[in-house]
Amino acid sequence: MSRSATASRIRPHSAAQWVGVSIIAAWILLAVVAPLISSDPLAQTTSDRLQAPSGAHLFGTDQLGRDVFSRVLHGARATLPIGVCIVLLATLVGVPAGALAGFVRGWVDEVVMRLADLLFALPALVLALAIAAALGPSVSSAVIAIAAVMWPRYARLTRGQVLTLRQREFVLADRATGASPAQVLWQTVLPNAAPVVSLVAVLDLGTATLAGATLSFLGLGVQPPTPEWGAMVSSAVQTPEAWWTSLFPGFALVSFVIAINLYGQVFDRKELGR
């Protein structure tokens, strides 16, 4: 797949896709400028606790008197990078493993694929919870736990791409010119497999973001008082009468995940092996 073809595929072509891109861009922009357009998300004013949305507090206040609008905006600065880090770590582990499995074959292929099959056979969320609990509640634990259950997806996808590309004419030509197997794999095969893997990684960003927020909701990710959408919804459970404390962070999370899915319509799922 050429660069021009890849650019054509990732460019939105429908109204729904443009809506998705606009929402994604809006949240990224709000995360960047949050300190400039909102107050301190950790500032507590007990006299203003559980205030409904108003002109003074657009999204109301929580049980500690903190401004929910400020916390939602700053929560984007924690929630969105977690999803990106999860996908990056999963690809950094899964892509090399799948590439070696598909190119070297033999016992390497067997070990990698049997390990991937084992992880696929286990409930992903349960396994992620177990890993995060074993590592201890923190952002890094959440990222590692979710990436640990996502990397087999990239390993299998990359292996399939490598198996297809290793018999193509340009790869055989490289071998004929005396290029080493390592050079053929890393300089010829993987660059041609990268576009498909990259497109799948974009689609997985919504799933990874939601999974990271889920672990934070369960107390295994971002820890209080740092604002994070999943953790904010979790703390709001204690005050169900203050609907705004859960509605706005929950809506922020749902809107971002839906935006990723809307944008994902730009890809041909059959070509991506789905």
Protein backbone atom coordinates (compact mmCIF):
# COMPACT_ATOMS: atom_id res chain seq x y z
CA MET A 1 0.00 0.00 0.00
CA SER A 2 1.57 3.29 -1.11
CA ARG A 3 1.68 6.43 0.97
CA SER A 4 -0.80 8.17 -1.31
CA ALA A 5 -3.19 5.22 -1.03
CA THR A 6 -2.85 5.23 2.75
CA ALA A 7 -3.49 8.97 2.91
CA SER A 8 -6.58 8.51 0.76
CA ARG A 9 -7.91 5.82 3.10
CA ILE A 10 -7.39 7.75 6.34
CA ARG A 11 -8.98 10.91 4.95
CA PRO A 12 -12.67 11.20 5.97
CA HIS A 13 -15.11 10.66 3.11
CA SER A 14 -18.53 10.96 4.78
CA ALA A 15 -20.34 13.31 7.13
CA ALA A 16 -20.17 10.77 9.97
CA GLN A 17 -16.42 10.43 9.56
CA TRP A 18 -15.97 14.20 9.58
CA VAL A 19 -18.01 14.37 12.78
CA GLY A 20 -15.73 11.76 14.34
CA VAL A 21 -12.56 13.59 13.31
CA SER A 22 -13.99 16.89 14.60
CA ILE A 23 -14.81 15.42 18.01
CA ILE A 24 -11.38 13.81 18.32
CA ALA A 25 -9.66 17.06 17.36
CA ALA A 26 -11.85 19.02 19.78
CA TRP A 27 -10.95 16.81 22.73
CA ILE A 28 -7.26 16.94 21.90
CA LEU A 29 -7.44 20.73 21.68
CA LEU A 30 -9.36 20.99 24.96
CA ALA A 31 -6.82 18.75 26.67
CA VAL A 32 -3.98 20.99 25.47
CA VAL A 33 -5.59 24.31 26.47
CA ALA A 34 -7.31 23.05 29.65
CA PRO A 35 -4.98 24.96 32.03
CA LEU A 36 -5.73 28.18 30.12
CA ILE A 37 -9.53 27.99 30.04
CA SER A 38 -10.38 26.33 33.36
CA SER A 39 -9.65 26.67 37.05
CA ASP A 40 -7.60 24.39 39.31
CA PRO A 41 -9.28 20.95 39.14
CA LEU A 42 -8.01 20.09 42.64
CA ALA A 43 -9.24 23.24 44.37
CA GLN A 44 -11.79 22.35 47.06
CA THR A 45 -14.54 24.67 48.29
CA THR A 46 -16.65 22.77 50.78
CA SER A 47 -19.27 25.50 50.91
CA ASP A 48 -19.97 24.90 47.22
CA ARG A 49 -20.15 21.10 47.37
CA LEU A 50 -22.67 19.33 45.13
CA GLN A 51 -23.82 22.52 43.41
CA ALA A 52 -25.94 21.89 40.31
CA PRO A 53 -24.76 23.26 36.94
CA SER A 54 -25.00 27.04 36.85
CA GLY A 55 -23.30 30.12 35.46
CA ALA A 56 -20.66 29.93 38.17
CA HIS A 57 -20.01 26.21 37.59
CA LEU A 58 -21.03 25.07 34.11
CA PHE A 59 -20.95 21.36 35.03
CA GLY A 60 -21.65 21.84 38.74
CA THR A 61 -19.39 20.77 41.59
CA ASP A 62 -18.59 17.42 43.16
CA GLN A 63 -18.77 16.19 46.76
CA LEU A 64 -15.63 18.14 47.67
CA GLY A 65 -16.70 21.37 45.98
CA ARG A 66 -14.36 20.92 43.02
CA ASP A 67 -15.45 22.33 39.66
CA VAL A 68 -16.59 19.43 37.46
CA PHE A 69 -16.02 21.40 34.23
CA SER A 70 -12.36 21.92 35.12
CA ARG A 71 -11.97 18.29 36.14
CA VAL A 72 -13.50 17.01 32.89
CA LEU A 73 -11.14 19.13 30.79
CA HIS A 74 -8.10 18.16 32.84
CA GLY A 75 -9.36 14.58 32.86
CA ALA A 76 -8.82 14.50 29.11
CA ARG A 77 -5.12 15.13 29.78
CA ALA A 78 -5.00 11.86 31.73
CA THR A 79 -7.53 9.70 29.89
CA LEU A 80 -6.48 10.23 26.28
CA PRO A 81 -2.72 9.62 26.72
CA ILE A 82 -3.46 6.36 28.53
CA GLY A 83 -5.24 4.99 25.46
CA VAL A 84 -2.39 6.08 23.20
CA CYS A 85 0.23 4.51 25.49
CA ILE A 86 -1.69 1.23 25.61
CA VAL A 87 -1.84 0.97 21.81
CA LEU A 88 1.81 1.95 21.44
CA LEU A 89 2.99 -0.63 23.97
CA ALA A 90 0.80 -3.35 22.43
CA THR A 91 2.23 -2.65 18.98
CA LEU A 92 5.81 -2.45 20.25
CA VAL A 93 5.43 -5.96 21.66
CA GLY A 94 3.07 -7.54 19.16
CA VAL A 95 4.52 -6.30 15.87
CA PRO A 96 8.11 -7.58 16.36
CA ALA A 97 6.80 -10.86 17.80
CA GLY A 98 4.43 -11.40 14.88
CA ALA A 99 7.06 -10.35 12.35
CA LEU A 100 9.60 -12.86 13.65
CA ALA A 101 6.95 -15.59 13.86
CA GLY A 102 5.89 -15.08 10.25
CA PHE A 103 9.37 -14.62 8.79
CA VAL A 104 11.44 -17.13 10.76
CA ARG A 105 8.66 -19.73 11.17
CA GLY A 106 9.61 -22.98 12.91
CA TRP A 107 9.68 -23.08 16.70
CA VAL A 108 9.58 -19.27 16.96
CA ASP A 109 6.24 -19.25 15.15
CA GLU A 110 4.91 -22.04 17.35
CA VAL A 111 5.90 -20.35 20.61
CA VAL A 112 4.54 -16.93 19.68
CA MET A 113 1.26 -18.21 18.23
CA ARG A 114 0.58 -20.68 21.03
CA LEU A 115 1.14 -17.91 23.59
CA ALA A 116 -1.16 -15.64 21.61
CA ASP A 117 -3.81 -18.38 21.44
CA LEU A 118 -3.56 -18.86 25.19
CA LEU A 119 -4.17 -15.17 25.85
CA PHE A 120 -7.02 -15.09 23.32
CA ALA A 121 -8.67 -17.99 25.15
CA LEU A 122 -8.82 -16.04 28.44
CA PRO A 123 -11.37 -13.29 29.17
CA ALA A 124 -9.47 -10.10 28.30
CA LEU A 125 -10.92 -7.86 31.02
CA VAL A 126 -10.51 -10.47 33.75
CA LEU A 127 -6.89 -11.06 32.76
CA ALA A 128 -6.20 -7.31 32.65
CA LEU A 129 -7.74 -6.89 36.10
CA ALA A 130 -5.60 -9.71 37.49
CA ILE A 131 -2.40 -8.25 36.04
CA ALA A 132 -3.21 -4.71 37.23
CA ALA A 133 -4.05 -5.97 40.72
CA ALA A 134 -0.79 -7.93 40.87
CA LEU A 135 1.26 -4.90 39.79
CA GLY A 136 -0.55 -2.50 42.11
CA PRO A 137 -2.89 0.39 41.34
CA SER A 138 -1.19 2.98 39.11
CA VAL A 139 -1.29 4.39 35.60
CA SER A 140 1.68 2.29 34.47
CA SER A 141 0.07 -0.88 35.84
CA ALA A 142 -3.12 -0.17 33.91
CA VAL A 143 -1.20 0.46 30.68
CA ILE A 144 0.88 -2.71 31.06
CA ALA A 145 -2.14 -4.82 32.02
CA ILE A 146 -4.25 -3.82 29.03
CA ALA A 147 -1.35 -3.92 26.57
CA ALA A 148 -0.60 -7.45 27.81
CA VAL A 149 -3.99 -8.64 26.56
CA MET A 150 -3.90 -6.58 23.33
CA TRP A 151 -0.48 -7.44 21.89
CA PRO A 152 -1.54 -10.89 20.53
CA ARG A 153 -3.92 -9.10 18.18
CA TYR A 154 -1.03 -7.21 16.61
CA ALA A 155 1.18 -10.28 16.60
CA ARG A 156 -1.39 -12.28 14.65
CA LEU A 157 -2.10 -9.41 12.25
CA THR A 158 1.58 -8.76 11.58
CA ARG A 159 2.32 -12.45 11.12
CA GLY A 160 -0.42 -12.69 8.50
CA GLN A 161 0.94 -9.66 6.65
CA VAL A 162 4.50 -11.01 6.75
CA LEU A 163 3.42 -14.44 5.47
CA THR A 164 1.73 -12.71 2.53
CA LEU A 165 4.56 -10.29 1.76
CA ARG A 166 7.51 -12.69 2.13
CA GLN A 167 6.64 -14.32 -1.21
CA ARG A 168 6.12 -11.07 -3.13
CA GLU A 169 8.40 -10.25 -6.04
CA PHE A 170 10.10 -7.25 -4.45
CA VAL A 171 10.99 -9.31 -1.36
CA LEU A 172 12.40 -12.12 -3.47
CA ALA A 173 14.38 -9.53 -5.44
CA ASP A 174 15.92 -8.22 -2.22
CA ARG A 175 16.97 -11.74 -1.28
CA ALA A 176 18.46 -12.25 -4.72
CA THR A 177 20.65 -9.16 -4.33
CA GLY A 178 22.25 -10.67 -1.22
CA ALA A 179 20.35 -8.79 1.50
CA SER A 180 20.43 -10.54 4.86
CA PRO A 181 17.19 -11.95 6.33
CA ALA A 182 17.20 -9.18 8.96
CA GLN A 183 17.51 -6.50 6.28
CA VAL A 184 14.72 -8.04 4.22
CA LEU A 185 12.42 -8.20 7.24
CA TRP A 186 13.04 -4.78 8.78
CA GLN A 187 13.74 -2.73 5.66
CA THR A 188 11.36 -4.27 3.13
CA VAL A 189 8.66 -6.49 4.64
CA LEU A 190 7.70 -4.51 7.77
CA PRO A 191 7.48 -1.09 6.05
CA ASN A 192 4.97 -2.60 3.63
CA ALA A 193 2.99 -4.19 6.48
CA ALA A 194 3.02 -0.99 8.55
CA PRO A 195 0.03 0.78 6.89
CA VAL A 196 -2.43 -2.01 7.72
CA VAL A 197 -1.12 -2.34 11.28
CA SER A 198 -1.30 1.42 11.74
CA LEU A 199 -4.91 1.55 10.60
CA VAL A 200 -5.90 -1.17 13.06
CA ALA A 201 -4.06 0.69 15.83
CA VAL A 202 -6.15 3.78 15.13
CA LEU A 203 -9.34 1.73 15.39
CA ASP A 204 -8.15 0.19 18.67
CA LEU A 205 -7.55 3.58 20.26
CA GLY A 206 -11.18 3.86 21.38
CA THR A 207 -11.16 0.37 22.89
CA ALA A 208 -7.88 1.06 24.70
CA THR A 209 -9.14 4.38 26.07
CA LEU A 210 -12.33 2.75 27.36
CA ALA A 211 -10.36 -0.11 28.93
CA GLY A 212 -8.01 2.32 30.68
CA ALA A 213 -10.98 4.27 32.05
CA THR A 214 -12.53 1.00 33.22
CA LEU A 215 -9.47 0.13 35.31
CA SER A 216 -9.46 3.65 36.76
CA PHE A 217 -13.16 3.24 37.58
CA LEU A 218 -12.28 0.07 39.50
CA GLY A 219 -9.46 1.81 41.36
CA LEU A 220 -6.60 0.14 39.49
CA GLY A 221 -5.58 3.01 37.21
CA VAL A 222 -5.31 6.74 37.84
CA GLN A 223 -5.53 7.43 41.56
CA PRO A 224 -7.37 10.30 43.30
CA PRO A 225 -7.26 13.24 43.39
CA THR A 226 -5.96 13.30 39.79
CA PRO A 227 -8.94 13.92 37.49
CA GLU A 228 -9.62 11.09 35.04
CA TRP A 229 -12.95 10.31 33.41
CA GLY A 230 -13.30 6.74 34.67
CA ALA A 231 -12.19 7.64 38.20
CA MET A 232 -14.58 10.61 38.22
CA VAL A 233 -17.54 8.38 37.34
CA SER A 234 -16.46 5.96 40.07
CA SER A 235 -16.39 8.65 42.77
CA ALA A 236 -19.74 10.00 41.54
CA VAL A 237 -21.39 6.67 42.42
CA GLN A 238 -21.24 7.75 46.06
CA THR A 239 -23.58 10.68 45.34
CA PRO A 240 -26.24 9.40 42.92
CA GLU A 241 -28.45 12.41 43.61
CA ALA A 242 -25.80 14.67 42.04
CA TRP A 243 -26.35 13.38 38.50
CA TRP A 244 -24.02 15.92 36.95
CA THR A 245 -20.94 14.48 38.66
CA SER A 246 -21.23 11.29 36.61
CA LEU A 247 -23.06 12.55 33.52
CA PHE A 248 -20.39 14.92 32.19
CA PRO A 249 -17.26 12.73 32.58
CA GLY A 250 -19.26 9.76 31.31
CA PHE A 251 -20.45 11.74 28.30
CA ALA A 252 -16.88 12.87 27.59
CA LEU A 253 -15.65 9.27 27.55
CA VAL A 254 -18.54 8.01 25.42
CA SER A 255 -18.21 10.88 22.93
CA PHE A 256 -14.51 10.17 22.37
CA VAL A 257 -15.01 6.43 21.90
CA ILE A 258 -17.93 7.00 19.52
CA ALA A 259 -15.83 9.52 17.59
CA ILE A 260 -13.10 6.90 17.08
CA ASN A 261 -15.71 4.42 15.83
CA LEU A 262 -17.22 6.98 13.46
CA TYR A 263 -13.81 7.76 12.05
CA GLY A 264 -13.13 4.03 11.74
CA GLN A 265 -15.76 3.78 9.02
CA VAL A 266 -13.11 5.14 6.64
CA PHE A 267 -11.38 1.75 6.58
CA ASP A 268 -12.25 -1.30 4.52
CA ARG A 269 -12.68 -3.91 7.26
CA LYS A 270 -12.34 -6.82 4.87
CA GLU A 271 -8.93 -5.55 3.79
CA LEU A 272 -7.91 -5.24 7.43
CA GLY A 273 -8.64 -8.93 7.98
CA ARG A 274 -11.85 -8.45 9.97
